[in-house]
Amino acid sequence: MTTTFDRIGAMLLHDHHVPAERLVPEALLDDLGIDSLATVELLWSVEETFHVKLPTDADGLHTLGDVARCVDALLARRTDGSASGRHAA
């Protein structure tokens, strides 16, 4: 099973040519050799890929692990909300 972290890592490999050995959860986005514009592009790609809306204040998203955990939390909330909606019908 592919994890959120794996999918984000694949995006970085493909779109930004970040070496696979550097793709660890504690890797700082700034240290991966992508500039601020590329970081914004990455976050937009993450939103498109996972169909989520990341917080506009991305101050808490410093590492790859931060981004993956944020996406997982947003997906869990959406799933919980969908499940609650189904039970209410």
C-alpha atoms as a PDB file:
ATOM      1  CA  MET A   1       0.000   0.000   0.000  1.00  0.00           C
ATOM      2  CA  THR A   2       1.359   3.398  -0.980  1.00  0.00           C
ATOM      3  CA  THR A   3       1.366   5.954   1.813  1.00  0.00           C
ATOM      4  CA  THR A   4       0.711   9.674   1.576  1.00  0.00           C
ATOM      5  CA  PHE A   5       4.399  10.235   2.284  1.00  0.00           C
ATOM      6  CA  ASP A   6       5.367   7.888  -0.585  1.00  0.00           C
ATOM      7  CA  ARG A   7       3.080   9.715  -3.002  1.00  0.00           C
ATOM      8  CA  ILE A   8       4.468  13.123  -2.017  1.00  0.00           C
ATOM      9  CA  GLY A   9       7.989  11.736  -2.332  1.00  0.00           C
ATOM     10  CA  ALA A  10       7.195  10.489  -5.835  1.00  0.00           C
ATOM     11  CA  MET A  11       6.006  13.981  -6.737  1.00  0.00           C
ATOM     12  CA  LEU A  12       9.304  15.432  -5.527  1.00  0.00           C
ATOM     13  CA  LEU A  13      11.286  12.817  -7.446  1.00  0.00           C
ATOM     14  CA  HIS A  14       9.393  13.431 -10.656  1.00  0.00           C
ATOM     15  CA  ASP A  15       8.757  17.175 -10.599  1.00  0.00           C
ATOM     16  CA  HIS A  16      11.792  18.474  -8.696  1.00  0.00           C
ATOM     17  CA  HIS A  17      14.363  15.694  -9.226  1.00  0.00           C
ATOM     18  CA  VAL A  18      15.054  15.358  -5.503  1.00  0.00           C
ATOM     19  CA  PRO A  19      17.225  12.259  -4.899  1.00  0.00           C
ATOM     20  CA  ALA A  20      15.266   9.409  -3.290  1.00  0.00           C
ATOM     21  CA  GLU A  21      17.752   9.055  -0.411  1.00  0.00           C
ATOM     22  CA  ARG A  22      16.911  12.607   0.714  1.00  0.00           C
ATOM     23  CA  LEU A  23      13.187  11.874   0.951  1.00  0.00           C
ATOM     24  CA  VAL A  24      12.798  11.183   4.644  1.00  0.00           C
ATOM     25  CA  PRO A  25      10.000  12.452   6.907  1.00  0.00           C
ATOM     26  CA  GLU A  26      12.309  14.793   8.809  1.00  0.00           C
ATOM     27  CA  ALA A  27      13.700  16.410   5.614  1.00  0.00           C
ATOM     28  CA  LEU A  28      13.125  20.153   5.697  1.00  0.00           C
ATOM     29  CA  LEU A  29      11.460  21.454   2.555  1.00  0.00           C
ATOM     30  CA  ASP A  30      14.048  24.249   2.416  1.00  0.00           C
ATOM     31  CA  ASP A  31      16.902  21.726   2.499  1.00  0.00           C
ATOM     32  CA  LEU A  32      15.669  19.690  -0.468  1.00  0.00           C
ATOM     33  CA  GLY A  33      16.966  22.211  -2.967  1.00  0.00           C
ATOM     34  CA  ILE A  34      13.570  23.559  -3.981  1.00  0.00           C
ATOM     35  CA  ASP A  35      12.991  27.277  -3.761  1.00  0.00           C
ATOM     36  CA  SER A  36       9.933  29.019  -2.331  1.00  0.00           C
ATOM     37  CA  LEU A  37       8.131  29.041  -5.694  1.00  0.00           C
ATOM     38  CA  ALA A  38       8.737  25.318  -6.113  1.00  0.00           C
ATOM     39  CA  THR A  39       7.414  24.762  -2.578  1.00  0.00           C
ATOM     40  CA  VAL A  40       4.209  26.584  -3.486  1.00  0.00           C
ATOM     41  CA  GLU A  41       3.940  24.484  -6.656  1.00  0.00           C
ATOM     42  CA  LEU A  42       4.458  21.320  -4.614  1.00  0.00           C
ATOM     43  CA  LEU A  43       1.709  22.286  -2.173  1.00  0.00           C
ATOM     44  CA  TRP A  44      -0.662  23.037  -5.062  1.00  0.00           C
ATOM     45  CA  SER A  45       0.150  19.647  -6.570  1.00  0.00           C
ATOM     46  CA  VAL A  46      -0.517  18.007  -3.212  1.00  0.00           C
ATOM     47  CA  GLU A  47      -3.912  19.729  -3.042  1.00  0.00           C
ATOM     48  CA  GLU A  48      -4.774  18.576  -6.566  1.00  0.00           C
ATOM     49  CA  THR A  49      -3.537  15.029  -6.087  1.00  0.00           C
ATOM     50  CA  PHE A  50      -5.239  14.425  -2.748  1.00  0.00           C
ATOM     51  CA  HIS A  51      -8.279  16.674  -3.320  1.00  0.00           C
ATOM     52  CA  VAL A  52      -7.663  18.584  -0.101  1.00  0.00           C
ATOM     53  CA  LYS A  53      -7.232  22.239   0.807  1.00  0.00           C
ATOM     54  CA  LEU A  54      -4.053  22.852   2.791  1.00  0.00           C
ATOM     55  CA  PRO A  55      -4.087  25.692   5.320  1.00  0.00           C
ATOM     56  CA  THR A  56      -3.278  29.048   3.710  1.00  0.00           C
ATOM     57  CA  ASP A  57      -0.902  29.643   6.602  1.00  0.00           C
ATOM     58  CA  ALA A  58       1.573  26.849   5.898  1.00  0.00           C
ATOM     59  CA  ASP A  59       3.900  27.887   8.732  1.00  0.00           C
ATOM     60  CA  GLY A  60       3.546  24.473  10.367  1.00  0.00           C
ATOM     61  CA  LEU A  61       4.583  22.623   7.205  1.00  0.00           C
ATOM     62  CA  HIS A  62       8.374  22.593   7.501  1.00  0.00           C
ATOM     63  CA  THR A  63       9.200  18.954   6.711  1.00  0.00           C
ATOM     64  CA  LEU A  64       7.965  16.298   4.323  1.00  0.00           C
ATOM     65  CA  GLY A  65       6.516  14.504   7.328  1.00  0.00           C
ATOM     66  CA  ASP A  66       4.597  17.652   8.307  1.00  0.00           C
ATOM     67  CA  VAL A  67       3.017  17.828   4.853  1.00  0.00           C
ATOM     68  CA  ALA A  68       2.140  14.114   4.834  1.00  0.00           C
ATOM     69  CA  ARG A  69       0.630  14.263   8.345  1.00  0.00           C
ATOM     70  CA  CYS A  70      -1.409  17.354   7.424  1.00  0.00           C
ATOM     71  CA  VAL A  71      -2.791  15.633   4.313  1.00  0.00           C
ATOM     72  CA  ASP A  72      -3.562  12.467   6.296  1.00  0.00           C
ATOM     73  CA  ALA A  73      -5.410  14.537   8.918  1.00  0.00           C
ATOM     74  CA  LEU A  74      -7.429  16.353   6.241  1.00  0.00           C
ATOM     75  CA  LEU A  75      -8.310  13.067   4.548  1.00  0.00           C
ATOM     76  CA  ALA A  76      -9.321  11.522   7.879  1.00  0.00           C
ATOM     77  CA  ARG A  77     -11.581  14.488   8.661  1.00  0.00           C
ATOM     78  CA  ARG A  78     -13.173  14.264   5.244  1.00  0.00           C
ATOM     79  CA  THR A  79     -13.724  10.523   5.651  1.00  0.00           C
ATOM     80  CA  ASP A  80     -15.172  11.005   9.140  1.00  0.00           C
ATOM     81  CA  GLY A  81     -17.459  13.744   7.815  1.00  0.00           C
ATOM     82  CA  SER A  82     -18.620  11.575   4.923  1.00  0.00           C
ATOM     83  CA  ALA A  83     -19.269   8.651   7.229  1.00  0.00           C
ATOM     84  CA  SER A  84     -21.295  10.845   9.590  1.00  0.00           C
ATOM     85  CA  GLY A  85     -23.309  12.157   6.673  1.00  0.00           C
ATOM     86  CA  ARG A  86     -24.135   8.660   5.504  1.00  0.00           C
ATOM     87  CA  HIS A  87     -25.403   7.641   8.914  1.00  0.00           C
ATOM     88  CA  ALA A  88     -27.597  10.693   9.187  1.00  0.00           C
ATOM     89  CA  ALA A  89     -29.505   9.893   5.996  1.00  0.00           C
END
